[in-house]
């Protein structure tokens, strides 16, 4: 899976200056991109990344960066991605 946001976008959103944590943030971007894409299974992954999906990744990255000791999902993340979710009954 391709990262859904750039390192610069994530650092700006999380208000991170400098490059000390770039490797950590890159790992968080990769994990968040995979998790959000798995949840937004109704989006085919082509074309520009929808703003809601991009924001969900940014929220997840910032939450994981700020609270590294937990694996909790970011608040509101699923609401952002819900229109891209396929629900099977």
PDB file of N, CA and C in Angstrom:
ATOM      1  N   UNK A   1       0.843  -1.190   0.000  1.00  0.00           N
ATOM      2  CA  UNK A   1       0.000   0.000   0.000  1.00  0.00           C
ATOM      3  C   UNK A   1       0.878   1.239   0.000  1.00  0.00           C
ATOM      4  N   UNK A   2       0.487   2.202  -0.761  1.00  0.00           N
ATOM      5  CA  UNK A   2       1.182   3.484  -0.829  1.00  0.00           C
ATOM      6  C   UNK A   2       0.739   4.354   0.339  1.00  0.00           C
ATOM      7  N   UNK A   3       1.682   5.119   0.879  1.00  0.00           N
ATOM      8  CA  UNK A   3       1.328   6.050   1.946  1.00  0.00           C
ATOM      9  C   UNK A   3       0.317   7.064   1.413  1.00  0.00           C
ATOM     10  N   UNK A   4      -0.690   7.352   2.210  1.00  0.00           N
ATOM     11  CA  UNK A   4      -1.774   8.230   1.782  1.00  0.00           C
ATOM     12  C   UNK A   4      -1.518   9.697   2.094  1.00  0.00           C
ATOM     13  N   UNK A   5      -0.501   9.980   2.888  1.00  0.00           N
ATOM     14  CA  UNK A   5      -0.067  11.349   3.163  1.00  0.00           C
ATOM     15  C   UNK A   5       1.455  11.385   3.102  1.00  0.00           C
ATOM     16  N   UNK A   6       1.997  12.563   2.932  1.00  0.00           N
ATOM     17  CA  UNK A   6       3.451  12.705   2.898  1.00  0.00           C
ATOM     18  C   UNK A   6       3.994  12.953   4.300  1.00  0.00           C
ATOM     19  N   UNK A   7       5.279  12.774   4.440  1.00  0.00           N
ATOM     20  CA  UNK A   7       5.936  13.063   5.707  1.00  0.00           C
ATOM     21  C   UNK A   7       5.742  14.524   6.080  1.00  0.00           C
ATOM     22  N   UNK A   8       5.886  15.420   5.117  1.00  0.00           N
ATOM     23  CA  UNK A   8       5.709  16.850   5.404  1.00  0.00           C
ATOM     24  C   UNK A   8       4.284  17.169   5.853  1.00  0.00           C
ATOM     25  N   UNK A   9       3.287  16.559   5.215  1.00  0.00           N
ATOM     26  CA  UNK A   9       1.896  16.785   5.623  1.00  0.00           C
ATOM     27  C   UNK A   9       1.670  16.318   7.059  1.00  0.00           C
ATOM     28  N   UNK A  10       2.199  15.148   7.387  1.00  0.00           N
ATOM     29  CA  UNK A  10       2.015  14.597   8.735  1.00  0.00           C
ATOM     30  C   UNK A  10       2.716  15.451   9.778  1.00  0.00           C
ATOM     31  N   UNK A  11       3.925  15.887   9.479  1.00  0.00           N
ATOM     32  CA  UNK A  11       4.669  16.714  10.433  1.00  0.00           C
ATOM     33  C   UNK A  11       3.978  18.061  10.645  1.00  0.00           C
ATOM     34  N   UNK A  12       3.459  18.643   9.571  1.00  0.00           N
ATOM     35  CA  UNK A  12       2.745  19.909   9.715  1.00  0.00           C
ATOM     36  C   UNK A  12       1.485  19.719  10.559  1.00  0.00           C
ATOM     37  N   UNK A  13       0.731  18.661  10.283  1.00  0.00           N
ATOM     38  CA  UNK A  13      -0.510  18.412  11.025  1.00  0.00           C
ATOM     39  C   UNK A  13      -0.225  18.144  12.503  1.00  0.00           C
ATOM     40  N   UNK A  14       0.832  17.386  12.778  1.00  0.00           N
ATOM     41  CA  UNK A  14       1.174  17.037  14.164  1.00  0.00           C
ATOM     42  C   UNK A  14       2.026  18.109  14.841  1.00  0.00           C
ATOM     43  N   UNK A  15       2.320  19.173  14.106  1.00  0.00           N
ATOM     44  CA  UNK A  15       3.122  20.281  14.639  1.00  0.00           C
ATOM     45  C   UNK A  15       4.493  19.819  15.119  1.00  0.00           C
ATOM     46  N   UNK A  16       5.177  19.088  14.259  1.00  0.00           N
ATOM     47  CA  UNK A  16       6.511  18.571  14.573  1.00  0.00           C
ATOM     48  C   UNK A  16       7.539  19.387  13.799  1.00  0.00           C
ATOM     49  N   UNK A  17       8.492  19.960  14.520  1.00  0.00           N
ATOM     50  CA  UNK A  17       9.603  20.680  13.901  1.00  0.00           C
ATOM     51  C   UNK A  17      10.834  19.792  13.913  1.00  0.00           C
ATOM     52  N   UNK A  18      11.711  20.002  12.968  1.00  0.00           N
ATOM     53  CA  UNK A  18      12.947  19.231  12.925  1.00  0.00           C
ATOM     54  C   UNK A  18      12.727  17.875  12.293  1.00  0.00           C
ATOM     55  N   UNK A  19      13.823  17.103  12.250  1.00  0.00           N
ATOM     56  CA  UNK A  19      13.745  15.802  11.587  1.00  0.00           C
ATOM     57  C   UNK A  19      14.150  14.635  12.483  1.00  0.00           C
ATOM     58  N   UNK A  20      14.259  14.878  13.770  1.00  0.00           N
ATOM     59  CA  UNK A  20      14.678  13.842  14.706  1.00  0.00           C
ATOM     60  C   UNK A  20      13.757  12.623  14.669  1.00  0.00           C
ATOM     61  N   UNK A  21      12.468  12.839  14.554  1.00  0.00           N
ATOM     62  CA  UNK A  21      11.493  11.749  14.601  1.00  0.00           C
ATOM     63  C   UNK A  21      10.971  11.336  13.226  1.00  0.00           C
ATOM     64  N   UNK A  22      11.669  11.704  12.157  1.00  0.00           N
ATOM     65  CA  UNK A  22      11.178  11.402  10.808  1.00  0.00           C
ATOM     66  C   UNK A  22      10.962   9.911  10.572  1.00  0.00           C
ATOM     67  N   UNK A  23      11.868   9.071  11.036  1.00  0.00           N
ATOM     68  CA  UNK A  23      11.715   7.624  10.833  1.00  0.00           C
ATOM     69  C   UNK A  23      10.475   7.107  11.568  1.00  0.00           C
ATOM     70  N   UNK A  24      10.259   7.580  12.785  1.00  0.00           N
ATOM     71  CA  UNK A  24       9.079   7.179  13.553  1.00  0.00           C
ATOM     72  C   UNK A  24       7.804   7.644  12.857  1.00  0.00           C
ATOM     73  N   UNK A  25       7.784   8.878  12.420  1.00  0.00           N
ATOM     74  CA  UNK A  25       6.591   9.414  11.763  1.00  0.00           C
ATOM     75  C   UNK A  25       6.339   8.686  10.444  1.00  0.00           C
ATOM     76  N   UNK A  26       7.386   8.349   9.711  1.00  0.00           N
ATOM     77  CA  UNK A  26       7.222   7.587   8.470  1.00  0.00           C
ATOM     78  C   UNK A  26       6.592   6.223   8.745  1.00  0.00           C
ATOM     79  N   UNK A  27       7.018   5.579   9.829  1.00  0.00           N
ATOM     80  CA  UNK A  27       6.428   4.291  10.201  1.00  0.00           C
ATOM     81  C   UNK A  27       4.953   4.475  10.572  1.00  0.00           C
ATOM     82  N   UNK A  28       4.638   5.538  11.306  1.00  0.00           N
ATOM     83  CA  UNK A  28       3.250   5.806  11.690  1.00  0.00           C
ATOM     84  C   UNK A  28       2.389   6.079  10.463  1.00  0.00           C
ATOM     85  N   UNK A  29       2.943   6.788   9.484  1.00  0.00           N
ATOM     86  CA  UNK A  29       2.209   7.055   8.235  1.00  0.00           C
ATOM     87  C   UNK A  29       1.888   5.746   7.516  1.00  0.00           C
ATOM     88  N   UNK A  30       2.876   4.880   7.416  1.00  0.00           N
ATOM     89  CA  UNK A  30       2.658   3.596   6.737  1.00  0.00           C
ATOM     90  C   UNK A  30       1.578   2.780   7.444  1.00  0.00           C
ATOM     91  N   UNK A  31       1.675   2.679   8.767  1.00  0.00           N
ATOM     92  CA  UNK A  31       0.690   1.902   9.528  1.00  0.00           C
ATOM     93  C   UNK A  31      -0.691   2.534   9.448  1.00  0.00           C
ATOM     94  N   UNK A  32      -0.764   3.855   9.579  1.00  0.00           N
ATOM     95  CA  UNK A  32      -2.056   4.546   9.522  1.00  0.00           C
ATOM     96  C   UNK A  32      -2.666   4.435   8.129  1.00  0.00           C
ATOM     97  N   UNK A  33      -1.850   4.538   7.099  1.00  0.00           N
ATOM     98  CA  UNK A  33      -2.355   4.408   5.727  1.00  0.00           C
ATOM     99  C   UNK A  33      -2.961   3.023   5.509  1.00  0.00           C
ATOM    100  N   UNK A  34      -2.280   1.994   5.969  1.00  0.00           N
ATOM    101  CA  UNK A  34      -2.802   0.632   5.846  1.00  0.00           C
ATOM    102  C   UNK A  34      -4.109   0.463   6.622  1.00  0.00           C
ATOM    103  N   UNK A  35      -4.129   0.945   7.860  1.00  0.00           N
ATOM    104  CA  UNK A  35      -5.317   0.778   8.703  1.00  0.00           C
ATOM    105  C   UNK A  35      -6.519   1.514   8.122  1.00  0.00           C
ATOM    106  N   UNK A  36      -6.317   2.741   7.685  1.00  0.00           N
ATOM    107  CA  UNK A  36      -7.421   3.516   7.128  1.00  0.00           C
ATOM    108  C   UNK A  36      -7.888   2.906   5.814  1.00  0.00           C
ATOM    109  N   UNK A  37      -6.963   2.490   4.966  1.00  0.00           N
ATOM    110  CA  UNK A  37      -7.340   1.867   3.691  1.00  0.00           C
ATOM    111  C   UNK A  37      -8.104   0.566   3.919  1.00  0.00           C
ATOM    112  N   UNK A  38      -7.718  -0.207   4.932  1.00  0.00           N
ATOM    113  CA  UNK A  38      -8.457  -1.435   5.255  1.00  0.00           C
ATOM    114  C   UNK A  38      -9.882  -1.114   5.661  1.00  0.00           C
ATOM    115  N   UNK A  39     -10.050  -0.059   6.445  1.00  0.00           N
ATOM    116  CA  UNK A  39     -11.380   0.314   6.912  1.00  0.00           C
ATOM    117  C   UNK A  39     -12.207   0.926   5.779  1.00  0.00           C
ATOM    118  N   UNK A  40     -11.560   1.718   4.927  1.00  0.00           N
ATOM    119  CA  UNK A  40     -12.248   2.375   3.814  1.00  0.00           C
ATOM    120  C   UNK A  40     -12.212   1.469   2.586  1.00  0.00           C
ATOM    121  N   UNK A  41     -12.704   0.262   2.744  1.00  0.00           N
ATOM    122  CA  UNK A  41     -12.592  -0.734   1.681  1.00  0.00           C
ATOM    123  C   UNK A  41     -13.478  -0.442   0.472  1.00  0.00           C
ATOM    124  N   UNK A  42     -14.321   0.564   0.556  1.00  0.00           N
ATOM    125  CA  UNK A  42     -15.144   0.954  -0.589  1.00  0.00           C
ATOM    126  C   UNK A  42     -14.437   1.920  -1.520  1.00  0.00           C
ATOM    127  N   UNK A  43     -13.288   2.425  -1.099  1.00  0.00           N
ATOM    128  CA  UNK A  43     -12.476   3.301  -1.958  1.00  0.00           C
ATOM    129  C   UNK A  43     -11.466   2.438  -2.678  1.00  0.00           C
ATOM    130  N   UNK A  44     -11.352   2.580  -3.978  1.00  0.00           N
ATOM    131  CA  UNK A  44     -10.500   1.681  -4.765  1.00  0.00           C
ATOM    132  C   UNK A  44      -9.022   2.064  -4.752  1.00  0.00           C
ATOM    133  N   UNK A  45      -8.661   3.156  -4.109  1.00  0.00           N
ATOM    134  CA  UNK A  45      -7.259   3.529  -3.975  1.00  0.00           C
ATOM    135  C   UNK A  45      -6.660   4.193  -5.192  1.00  0.00           C
ATOM    136  N   UNK A  46      -7.477   4.529  -6.171  1.00  0.00           N
ATOM    137  CA  UNK A  46      -6.948   5.181  -7.358  1.00  0.00           C
ATOM    138  C   UNK A  46      -7.274   6.668  -7.349  1.00  0.00           C
ATOM    139  N   UNK A  47      -6.515   7.416  -8.116  1.00  0.00           N
ATOM    140  CA  UNK A  47      -6.741   8.859  -8.202  1.00  0.00           C
ATOM    141  C   UNK A  47      -6.258   9.575  -6.945  1.00  0.00           C
ATOM    142  N   UNK A  48      -6.681  10.806  -6.811  1.00  0.00           N
ATOM    143  CA  UNK A  48      -6.317  11.583  -5.630  1.00  0.00           C
ATOM    144  C   UNK A  48      -6.945  10.975  -4.379  1.00  0.00           C
ATOM    145  N   UNK A  49      -6.234  11.071  -3.290  1.00  0.00           N
ATOM    146  CA  UNK A  49      -6.752  10.572  -2.014  1.00  0.00           C
ATOM    147  C   UNK A  49      -7.853  11.533  -1.557  1.00  0.00           C
ATOM    148  N   UNK A  50      -9.072  11.019  -1.296  1.00  0.00           N
ATOM    149  CA  UNK A  50     -10.143  11.894  -0.814  1.00  0.00           C
ATOM    150  C   UNK A  50      -9.734  12.597   0.490  1.00  0.00           C
ATOM    151  N   UNK A  51     -10.172  13.830   0.633  1.00  0.00           N
ATOM    152  CA  UNK A  51      -9.792  14.635   1.799  1.00  0.00           C
ATOM    153  C   UNK A  51     -10.153  13.943   3.109  1.00  0.00           C
ATOM    154  N   UNK A  52     -11.297  13.284   3.170  1.00  0.00           N
ATOM    155  CA  UNK A  52     -11.708  12.614   4.413  1.00  0.00           C
ATOM    156  C   UNK A  52     -10.746  11.489   4.775  1.00  0.00           C
ATOM    157  N   UNK A  53     -10.285  10.751   3.786  1.00  0.00           N
ATOM    158  CA  UNK A  53      -9.347   9.658   4.035  1.00  0.00           C
ATOM    159  C   UNK A  53      -7.991  10.214   4.440  1.00  0.00           C
ATOM    160  N   UNK A  54      -7.551  11.251   3.759  1.00  0.00           N
ATOM    161  CA  UNK A  54      -6.284  11.889   4.096  1.00  0.00           C
ATOM    162  C   UNK A  54      -6.322  12.422   5.539  1.00  0.00           C
ATOM    163  N   UNK A  55      -7.426  13.076   5.897  1.00  0.00           N
ATOM    164  CA  UNK A  55      -7.553  13.608   7.250  1.00  0.00           C
ATOM    165  C   UNK A  55      -7.577  12.486   8.285  1.00  0.00           C
ATOM    166  N   UNK A  56      -8.232  11.377   7.977  1.00  0.00           N
ATOM    167  CA  UNK A  56      -8.255  10.241   8.903  1.00  0.00           C
ATOM    168  C   UNK A  56      -6.847   9.719   9.154  1.00  0.00           C
ATOM    169  N   UNK A  57      -6.025   9.655   8.116  1.00  0.00           N
ATOM    170  CA  UNK A  57      -4.635   9.215   8.281  1.00  0.00           C
ATOM    171  C   UNK A  57      -3.872  10.221   9.141  1.00  0.00           C
ATOM    172  N   UNK A  58      -4.035  11.502   8.851  1.00  0.00           N
ATOM    173  CA  UNK A  58      -3.336  12.532   9.622  1.00  0.00           C
ATOM    174  C   UNK A  58      -3.734  12.501  11.096  1.00  0.00           C
ATOM    175  N   UNK A  59      -5.020  12.319  11.355  1.00  0.00           N
ATOM    176  CA  UNK A  59      -5.503  12.251  12.741  1.00  0.00           C
ATOM    177  C   UNK A  59      -4.898  11.042  13.446  1.00  0.00           C
ATOM    178  N   UNK A  60      -4.878   9.907  12.759  1.00  0.00           N
ATOM    179  CA  UNK A  60      -4.317   8.688  13.354  1.00  0.00           C
ATOM    180  C   UNK A  60      -2.822   8.844  13.625  1.00  0.00           C
ATOM    181  N   UNK A  61      -2.087   9.431  12.687  1.00  0.00           N
ATOM    182  CA  UNK A  61      -0.654   9.641  12.871  1.00  0.00           C
ATOM    183  C   UNK A  61      -0.403  10.570  14.056  1.00  0.00           C
ATOM    184  N   UNK A  62      -1.111  11.680  14.121  1.00  0.00           N
ATOM    185  CA  UNK A  62      -0.911  12.640  15.214  1.00  0.00           C
ATOM    186  C   UNK A  62      -1.250  12.018  16.558  1.00  0.00           C
ATOM    187  N   UNK A  63      -2.343  11.254  16.613  1.00  0.00           N
ATOM    188  CA  UNK A  63      -2.728  10.611  17.869  1.00  0.00           C
ATOM    189  C   UNK A  63      -1.688   9.586  18.296  1.00  0.00           C
ATOM    190  N   UNK A  64      -1.194   8.807  17.351  1.00  0.00           N
ATOM    191  CA  UNK A  64      -0.179   7.800  17.674  1.00  0.00           C
ATOM    192  C   UNK A  64       1.130   8.457  18.081  1.00  0.00           C
ATOM    193  N   UNK A  65       1.464   9.569  17.474  1.00  0.00           N
ATOM    194  CA  UNK A  65       2.701  10.278  17.806  1.00  0.00           C
ATOM    195  C   UNK A  65       2.607  10.894  19.212  1.00  0.00           C
ATOM    196  N   UNK A  66       1.463  11.500  19.503  1.00  0.00           N
ATOM    197  CA  UNK A  66       1.274  12.158  20.803  1.00  0.00           C
ATOM    198  C   UNK A  66       1.127  11.170  21.951  1.00  0.00           C
ATOM    199  N   UNK A  67       0.525  10.025  21.685  1.00  0.00           N
ATOM    200  CA  UNK A  67       0.234   9.035  22.741  1.00  0.00           C
ATOM    201  C   UNK A  67       0.854   7.707  22.352  1.00  0.00           C
ATOM    202  N   UNK A  68       2.164   7.657  22.334  1.00  0.00           N
ATOM    203  CA  UNK A  68       2.881   6.483  21.835  1.00  0.00           C
ATOM    204  C   UNK A  68       2.695   5.234  22.679  1.00  0.00           C
ATOM    205  N   UNK A  69       2.235   5.399  23.902  1.00  0.00           N
ATOM    206  CA  UNK A  69       2.103   4.235  24.780  1.00  0.00           C
ATOM    207  C   UNK A  69       0.783   3.489  24.584  1.00  0.00           C
ATOM    208  N   UNK A  70      -0.101   3.987  23.726  1.00  0.00           N
ATOM    209  CA  UNK A  70      -1.384   3.324  23.507  1.00  0.00           C
ATOM    210  C   UNK A  70      -1.574   2.985  22.038  1.00  0.00           C
ATOM    211  N   UNK A  71      -2.507   2.109  21.773  1.00  0.00           N
ATOM    212  CA  UNK A  71      -2.870   1.768  20.398  1.00  0.00           C
ATOM    213  C   UNK A  71      -4.310   2.153  20.088  1.00  0.00           C
ATOM    214  N   UNK A  72      -4.849   3.070  20.857  1.00  0.00           N
ATOM    215  CA  UNK A  72      -6.230   3.492  20.649  1.00  0.00           C
ATOM    216  C   UNK A  72      -6.372   4.208  19.313  1.00  0.00           C
ATOM    217  N   UNK A  73      -7.545   4.032  18.703  1.00  0.00           N
ATOM    218  CA  UNK A  73      -7.836   4.743  17.466  1.00  0.00           C
ATOM    219  C   UNK A  73      -8.064   6.217  17.789  1.00  0.00           C
ATOM    220  N   UNK A  74      -7.829   7.049  16.796  1.00  0.00           N
ATOM    221  CA  UNK A  74      -8.054   8.477  16.958  1.00  0.00           C
ATOM    222  C   UNK A  74      -9.553   8.753  17.009  1.00  0.00           C
ATOM    223  N   UNK A  75      -9.932   9.675  17.852  1.00  0.00           N
ATOM    224  CA  UNK A  75     -11.342  10.008  17.990  1.00  0.00           C
ATOM    225  C   UNK A  75     -11.876  10.618  16.694  1.00  0.00           C
ATOM    226  N   UNK A  76     -12.982  10.113  16.218  1.00  0.00           N
ATOM    227  CA  UNK A  76     -13.615  10.634  15.023  1.00  0.00           C
ATOM    228  C   UNK A  76     -13.092  10.065  13.715  1.00  0.00           C
ATOM    229  N   UNK A  77     -12.067   9.264  13.797  1.00  0.00           N
ATOM    230  CA  UNK A  77     -11.447   8.721  12.581  1.00  0.00           C
ATOM    231  C   UNK A  77     -12.434   7.911  11.740  1.00  0.00           C
ATOM    232  N   UNK A  78     -13.190   7.045  12.368  1.00  0.00           N
ATOM    233  CA  UNK A  78     -14.123   6.199  11.618  1.00  0.00           C
ATOM    234  C   UNK A  78     -15.231   7.020  10.974  1.00  0.00           C
ATOM    235  N   UNK A  79     -15.641   8.090  11.622  1.00  0.00           N
ATOM    236  CA  UNK A  79     -16.667   8.952  11.042  1.00  0.00           C
ATOM    237  C   UNK A  79     -16.184   9.561   9.739  1.00  0.00           C
ATOM    238  N   UNK A  80     -14.910   9.908   9.682  1.00  0.00           N
ATOM    239  CA  UNK A  80     -14.348  10.481   8.460  1.00  0.00           C
ATOM    240  C   UNK A  80     -14.344   9.478   7.311  1.00  0.00           C
ATOM    241  N   UNK A  81     -14.077   8.233   7.615  1.00  0.00           N
ATOM    242  CA  UNK A  81     -13.887   7.215   6.586  1.00  0.00           C
ATOM    243  C   UNK A  81     -15.181   6.471   6.249  1.00  0.00           C
ATOM    244  N   UNK A  82     -16.187   6.581   7.071  1.00  0.00           N
ATOM    245  CA  UNK A  82     -17.416   5.803   6.912  1.00  0.00           C
ATOM    246  C   UNK A  82     -18.022   5.869   5.500  1.00  0.00           C
ATOM    247  N   UNK A  83     -18.026   7.019   4.817  1.00  0.00           N
ATOM    248  CA  UNK A  83     -18.597   7.016   3.467  1.00  0.00           C
ATOM    249  C   UNK A  83     -17.833   6.125   2.476  1.00  0.00           C
ATOM    250  N   UNK A  84     -16.620   5.747   2.820  1.00  0.00           N
ATOM    251  CA  UNK A  84     -15.811   4.905   1.941  1.00  0.00           C
ATOM    252  C   UNK A  84     -15.795   3.452   2.398  1.00  0.00           C
ATOM    253  N   UNK A  85     -16.632   3.109   3.346  1.00  0.00           N
ATOM    254  CA  UNK A  85     -16.671   1.750   3.878  1.00  0.00           C
ATOM    255  C   UNK A  85     -17.773   0.963   3.183  1.00  0.00           C
ATOM    256  N   UNK A  86     -17.485  -0.261   2.826  1.00  0.00           N
ATOM    257  CA  UNK A  86     -18.480  -1.171   2.255  1.00  0.00           C
ATOM    258  C   UNK A  86     -19.056  -1.983   3.395  1.00  0.00           C
ATOM    259  N   UNK A  87     -20.359  -1.909   3.575  1.00  0.00           N
ATOM    260  CA  UNK A  87     -21.006  -2.653   4.646  1.00  0.00           C
ATOM    261  C   UNK A  87     -21.726  -3.857   4.045  1.00  0.00           C
ATOM    262  N   UNK A  88     -21.368  -5.016   4.498  1.00  0.00           N
ATOM    263  CA  UNK A  88     -21.998  -6.244   4.040  1.00  0.00           C
ATOM    264  C   UNK A  88     -22.946  -6.756   5.111  1.00  0.00           C
ATOM    265  N   UNK A  89     -24.105  -7.139   4.706  1.00  0.00           N
ATOM    266  CA  UNK A  89     -25.073  -7.696   5.654  1.00  0.00           C
ATOM    267  C   UNK A  89     -25.232  -9.172   5.424  1.00  0.00           C
TER     268      UNK A  89
END
